[in-house]
Amino acid sequence: MQTSTQEPAVQERTGAAAPGTAEGGGAQVVSDGRVGHLRALERELGARGLVARVVRTRSGPAFLRVVNPAAASLAEDVTCAPAPGSREHYFWWSWGERMHRVDDVDGAAVKLAHVLQPLDQRPAREMRPAGRP
């Protein structure tokens, strides 16, 4: 399998062989630097008490599944890809909106932690409807 010279290859263990790889107990799959960005975000979110795991599928890009363990219904899937017409990589919300640049993992983690925080734990001023004191 070829890897791009622009993005470092990341070795990942999987339970089943991916297309084009040798069969065997936990085949090695080579993926692009996007997984590396997702892994960096995974570590940052873990340090903030959120549960995060990079998910690889046979068809489709890898994504980061993030869950608030205190409120498991609060979850988000984050992808990593370049912006259209650009080589700059970003983290993307599950609904397709650009979230944050990959070179600021801390900033992306702050946004995710805020979105996955239960409403009853947010400061009162954030819970008021817009335009009301």
C-alpha atoms as a PDB file:
ATOM      1  CA  MET A   1       0.000   0.000   0.000  1.00  0.00           C
ATOM      2  CA  GLN A   2       1.333   3.452  -0.807  1.00  0.00           C
ATOM      3  CA  THR A   3       1.393   6.326   1.614  1.00  0.00           C
ATOM      4  CA  SER A   4       1.460  10.010   0.817  1.00  0.00           C
ATOM      5  CA  THR A   5       4.704  11.878   1.399  1.00  0.00           C
ATOM      6  CA  GLN A   6       2.737  14.886   2.630  1.00  0.00           C
ATOM      7  CA  GLU A   7       1.020  13.122   5.508  1.00  0.00           C
ATOM      8  CA  PRO A   8       2.732  10.575   7.767  1.00  0.00           C
ATOM      9  CA  ALA A   9       1.396   7.034   7.800  1.00  0.00           C
ATOM     10  CA  VAL A  10      -0.153   5.800  11.011  1.00  0.00           C
ATOM     11  CA  GLN A  11      -0.185   2.110  11.909  1.00  0.00           C
ATOM     12  CA  GLU A  12      -3.432   0.900  13.441  1.00  0.00           C
ATOM     13  CA  ARG A  13      -4.485  -2.498  14.737  1.00  0.00           C
ATOM     14  CA  THR A  14      -7.877  -3.745  13.671  1.00  0.00           C
ATOM     15  CA  GLY A  15      -9.821  -6.880  14.514  1.00  0.00           C
ATOM     16  CA  ALA A  16     -10.359  -7.900  10.892  1.00  0.00           C
ATOM     17  CA  ALA A  17      -8.304  -7.511   7.771  1.00  0.00           C
ATOM     18  CA  ALA A  18      -9.153  -4.492   5.675  1.00  0.00           C
ATOM     19  CA  PRO A  19      -9.507  -4.797   1.906  1.00  0.00           C
ATOM     20  CA  GLY A  20      -6.120  -5.232   0.302  1.00  0.00           C
ATOM     21  CA  THR A  21      -4.351  -6.419   3.456  1.00  0.00           C
ATOM     22  CA  ALA A  22      -3.188  -9.833   4.534  1.00  0.00           C
ATOM     23  CA  GLU A  23      -5.506 -11.951   6.666  1.00  0.00           C
ATOM     24  CA  GLY A  24      -4.342 -12.747  10.144  1.00  0.00           C
ATOM     25  CA  GLY A  25      -4.838 -12.021  13.804  1.00  0.00           C
ATOM     26  CA  GLY A  26      -5.146  -8.235  13.826  1.00  0.00           C
ATOM     27  CA  ALA A  27      -3.894  -7.146  10.418  1.00  0.00           C
ATOM     28  CA  GLN A  28      -1.909  -3.920  10.179  1.00  0.00           C
ATOM     29  CA  VAL A  29      -3.739  -1.230   8.241  1.00  0.00           C
ATOM     30  CA  VAL A  30      -1.864   1.797   6.967  1.00  0.00           C
ATOM     31  CA  SER A  31      -3.954   4.985   6.977  1.00  0.00           C
ATOM     32  CA  ASP A  32      -3.222   8.607   6.298  1.00  0.00           C
ATOM     33  CA  GLY A  33      -2.408  11.478   8.634  1.00  0.00           C
ATOM     34  CA  ARG A  34      -6.081  12.181   9.264  1.00  0.00           C
ATOM     35  CA  VAL A  35      -6.150   9.314  11.745  1.00  0.00           C
ATOM     36  CA  GLY A  36      -3.161  10.872  13.483  1.00  0.00           C
ATOM     37  CA  HIS A  37      -5.098  14.125  13.930  1.00  0.00           C
ATOM     38  CA  LEU A  38      -8.102  12.202  15.266  1.00  0.00           C
ATOM     39  CA  ARG A  39      -5.848  10.300  17.704  1.00  0.00           C
ATOM     40  CA  ALA A  40      -4.394  13.595  19.001  1.00  0.00           C
ATOM     41  CA  LEU A  41      -7.919  14.876  19.619  1.00  0.00           C
ATOM     42  CA  GLU A  42      -8.822  11.543  21.242  1.00  0.00           C
ATOM     43  CA  ARG A  43      -5.991  11.992  23.773  1.00  0.00           C
ATOM     44  CA  GLU A  44      -6.957  15.604  24.532  1.00  0.00           C
ATOM     45  CA  LEU A  45     -10.597  14.684  25.091  1.00  0.00           C
ATOM     46  CA  GLY A  46      -9.605  11.783  27.353  1.00  0.00           C
ATOM     47  CA  ALA A  47      -7.662  14.234  29.508  1.00  0.00           C
ATOM     48  CA  ARG A  48     -10.888  16.254  29.811  1.00  0.00           C
ATOM     49  CA  GLY A  49     -12.909  13.261  31.029  1.00  0.00           C
ATOM     50  CA  LEU A  50     -14.695  12.467  27.772  1.00  0.00           C
ATOM     51  CA  VAL A  51     -14.616   9.007  26.222  1.00  0.00           C
ATOM     52  CA  ALA A  52     -13.302   9.059  22.652  1.00  0.00           C
ATOM     53  CA  ARG A  53     -12.314   6.325  20.222  1.00  0.00           C
ATOM     54  CA  VAL A  54     -11.195   6.376  16.601  1.00  0.00           C
ATOM     55  CA  VAL A  55     -13.520   4.194  14.538  1.00  0.00           C
ATOM     56  CA  ARG A  56     -12.436   2.636  11.243  1.00  0.00           C
ATOM     57  CA  THR A  57     -14.863   1.093   8.803  1.00  0.00           C
ATOM     58  CA  ARG A  58     -14.254  -0.914   5.657  1.00  0.00           C
ATOM     59  CA  SER A  59     -16.048   1.696   3.578  1.00  0.00           C
ATOM     60  CA  GLY A  60     -15.759   5.338   4.488  1.00  0.00           C
ATOM     61  CA  PRO A  61     -13.391   7.590   6.371  1.00  0.00           C
ATOM     62  CA  ALA A  62     -12.246   7.079   9.941  1.00  0.00           C
ATOM     63  CA  PHE A  63     -14.058   9.159  12.529  1.00  0.00           C
ATOM     64  CA  LEU A  64     -13.796   9.943  16.222  1.00  0.00           C
ATOM     65  CA  ARG A  65     -16.744   8.859  18.361  1.00  0.00           C
ATOM     66  CA  VAL A  66     -16.933  11.093  21.451  1.00  0.00           C
ATOM     67  CA  VAL A  67     -19.250  10.404  24.404  1.00  0.00           C
ATOM     68  CA  ASN A  68     -19.812  12.189  27.691  1.00  0.00           C
ATOM     69  CA  PRO A  69     -19.702   9.315  30.222  1.00  0.00           C
ATOM     70  CA  ALA A  70     -21.858  11.326  32.655  1.00  0.00           C
ATOM     71  CA  ALA A  71     -24.604  11.612  30.012  1.00  0.00           C
ATOM     72  CA  ALA A  72     -24.156   8.900  27.385  1.00  0.00           C
ATOM     73  CA  SER A  73     -26.882  10.335  25.151  1.00  0.00           C
ATOM     74  CA  LEU A  74     -24.558  13.297  24.569  1.00  0.00           C
ATOM     75  CA  ALA A  75     -22.285  12.045  21.810  1.00  0.00           C
ATOM     76  CA  GLU A  76     -20.703  13.315  18.617  1.00  0.00           C
ATOM     77  CA  ASP A  77     -18.878  11.828  15.637  1.00  0.00           C
ATOM     78  CA  VAL A  78     -16.003  13.977  14.390  1.00  0.00           C
ATOM     79  CA  THR A  79     -14.230  13.570  11.072  1.00  0.00           C
ATOM     80  CA  CYS A  80     -11.031  15.073   9.726  1.00  0.00           C
ATOM     81  CA  ALA A  81     -10.697  16.313   6.158  1.00  0.00           C
ATOM     82  CA  PRO A  82      -9.424  19.236   4.129  1.00  0.00           C
ATOM     83  CA  ALA A  83     -11.728  22.162   3.463  1.00  0.00           C
ATOM     84  CA  PRO A  84     -13.122  22.217  -0.097  1.00  0.00           C
ATOM     85  CA  GLY A  85     -10.561  23.656  -2.485  1.00  0.00           C
ATOM     86  CA  SER A  86      -7.864  23.678   0.193  1.00  0.00           C
ATOM     87  CA  ARG A  87      -5.130  21.487   1.615  1.00  0.00           C
ATOM     88  CA  GLU A  88      -5.793  22.763   5.155  1.00  0.00           C
ATOM     89  CA  HIS A  89      -7.242  19.986   7.326  1.00  0.00           C
ATOM     90  CA  TYR A  90     -10.040  20.596   9.795  1.00  0.00           C
ATOM     91  CA  PHE A  91     -12.134  18.661  12.272  1.00  0.00           C
ATOM     92  CA  TRP A  92     -15.771  18.504  11.125  1.00  0.00           C
ATOM     93  CA  TRP A  93     -19.021  18.118  13.080  1.00  0.00           C
ATOM     94  CA  SER A  94     -21.227  15.156  12.160  1.00  0.00           C
ATOM     95  CA  TRP A  95     -23.669  17.476  10.356  1.00  0.00           C
ATOM     96  CA  GLY A  96     -20.930  18.602   7.949  1.00  0.00           C
ATOM     97  CA  GLU A  97     -19.980  21.954   9.452  1.00  0.00           C
ATOM     98  CA  ARG A  98     -16.324  22.815   9.896  1.00  0.00           C
ATOM     99  CA  MET A  99     -15.436  22.739  13.601  1.00  0.00           C
ATOM    100  CA  HIS A 100     -11.772  23.640  14.091  1.00  0.00           C
ATOM    101  CA  ARG A 101      -8.317  23.467  12.515  1.00  0.00           C
ATOM    102  CA  VAL A 102      -6.332  20.325  13.292  1.00  0.00           C
ATOM    103  CA  ASP A 103      -3.304  22.322  14.425  1.00  0.00           C
ATOM    104  CA  ASP A 104      -5.253  23.515  17.507  1.00  0.00           C
ATOM    105  CA  VAL A 105      -6.353  20.282  19.172  1.00  0.00           C
ATOM    106  CA  ASP A 106      -6.963  22.069  22.478  1.00  0.00           C
ATOM    107  CA  GLY A 107      -9.390  24.500  20.843  1.00  0.00           C
ATOM    108  CA  ALA A 108     -11.295  21.647  19.191  1.00  0.00           C
ATOM    109  CA  ALA A 109     -11.465  19.797  22.527  1.00  0.00           C
ATOM    110  CA  VAL A 110     -12.874  22.891  24.261  1.00  0.00           C
ATOM    111  CA  LYS A 111     -15.671  23.116  21.659  1.00  0.00           C
ATOM    112  CA  LEU A 112     -16.523  19.426  21.936  1.00  0.00           C
ATOM    113  CA  ALA A 113     -16.496  19.483  25.741  1.00  0.00           C
ATOM    114  CA  HIS A 114     -18.860  22.466  25.707  1.00  0.00           C
ATOM    115  CA  VAL A 115     -21.299  20.871  23.249  1.00  0.00           C
ATOM    116  CA  LEU A 116     -21.319  17.577  25.162  1.00  0.00           C
ATOM    117  CA  GLN A 117     -21.936  19.207  28.544  1.00  0.00           C
ATOM    118  CA  PRO A 118     -25.471  18.649  29.934  1.00  0.00           C
ATOM    119  CA  LEU A 119     -27.618  21.797  30.040  1.00  0.00           C
ATOM    120  CA  ASP A 120     -28.082  21.533  33.800  1.00  0.00           C
ATOM    121  CA  GLN A 121     -24.298  21.833  34.231  1.00  0.00           C
ATOM    122  CA  ARG A 122     -23.875  24.909  32.038  1.00  0.00           C
ATOM    123  CA  PRO A 123     -23.739  28.385  33.594  1.00  0.00           C
ATOM    124  CA  ALA A 124     -27.207  29.947  33.981  1.00  0.00           C
ATOM    125  CA  ARG A 125     -26.479  32.791  31.544  1.00  0.00           C
ATOM    126  CA  GLU A 126     -25.967  30.266  28.722  1.00  0.00           C
ATOM    127  CA  MET A 127     -29.373  28.674  29.334  1.00  0.00           C
ATOM    128  CA  ARG A 128     -31.422  31.879  29.012  1.00  0.00           C
ATOM    129  CA  PRO A 129     -33.100  32.566  25.661  1.00  0.00           C
ATOM    130  CA  ALA A 130     -31.321  35.166  23.534  1.00  0.00           C
ATOM    131  CA  GLY A 131     -32.337  38.752  24.242  1.00  0.00           C
ATOM    132  CA  ARG A 132     -33.384  38.119  27.841  1.00  0.00           C
ATOM    133  CA  PRO A 133     -31.388  39.309  30.872  1.00  0.00           C
END
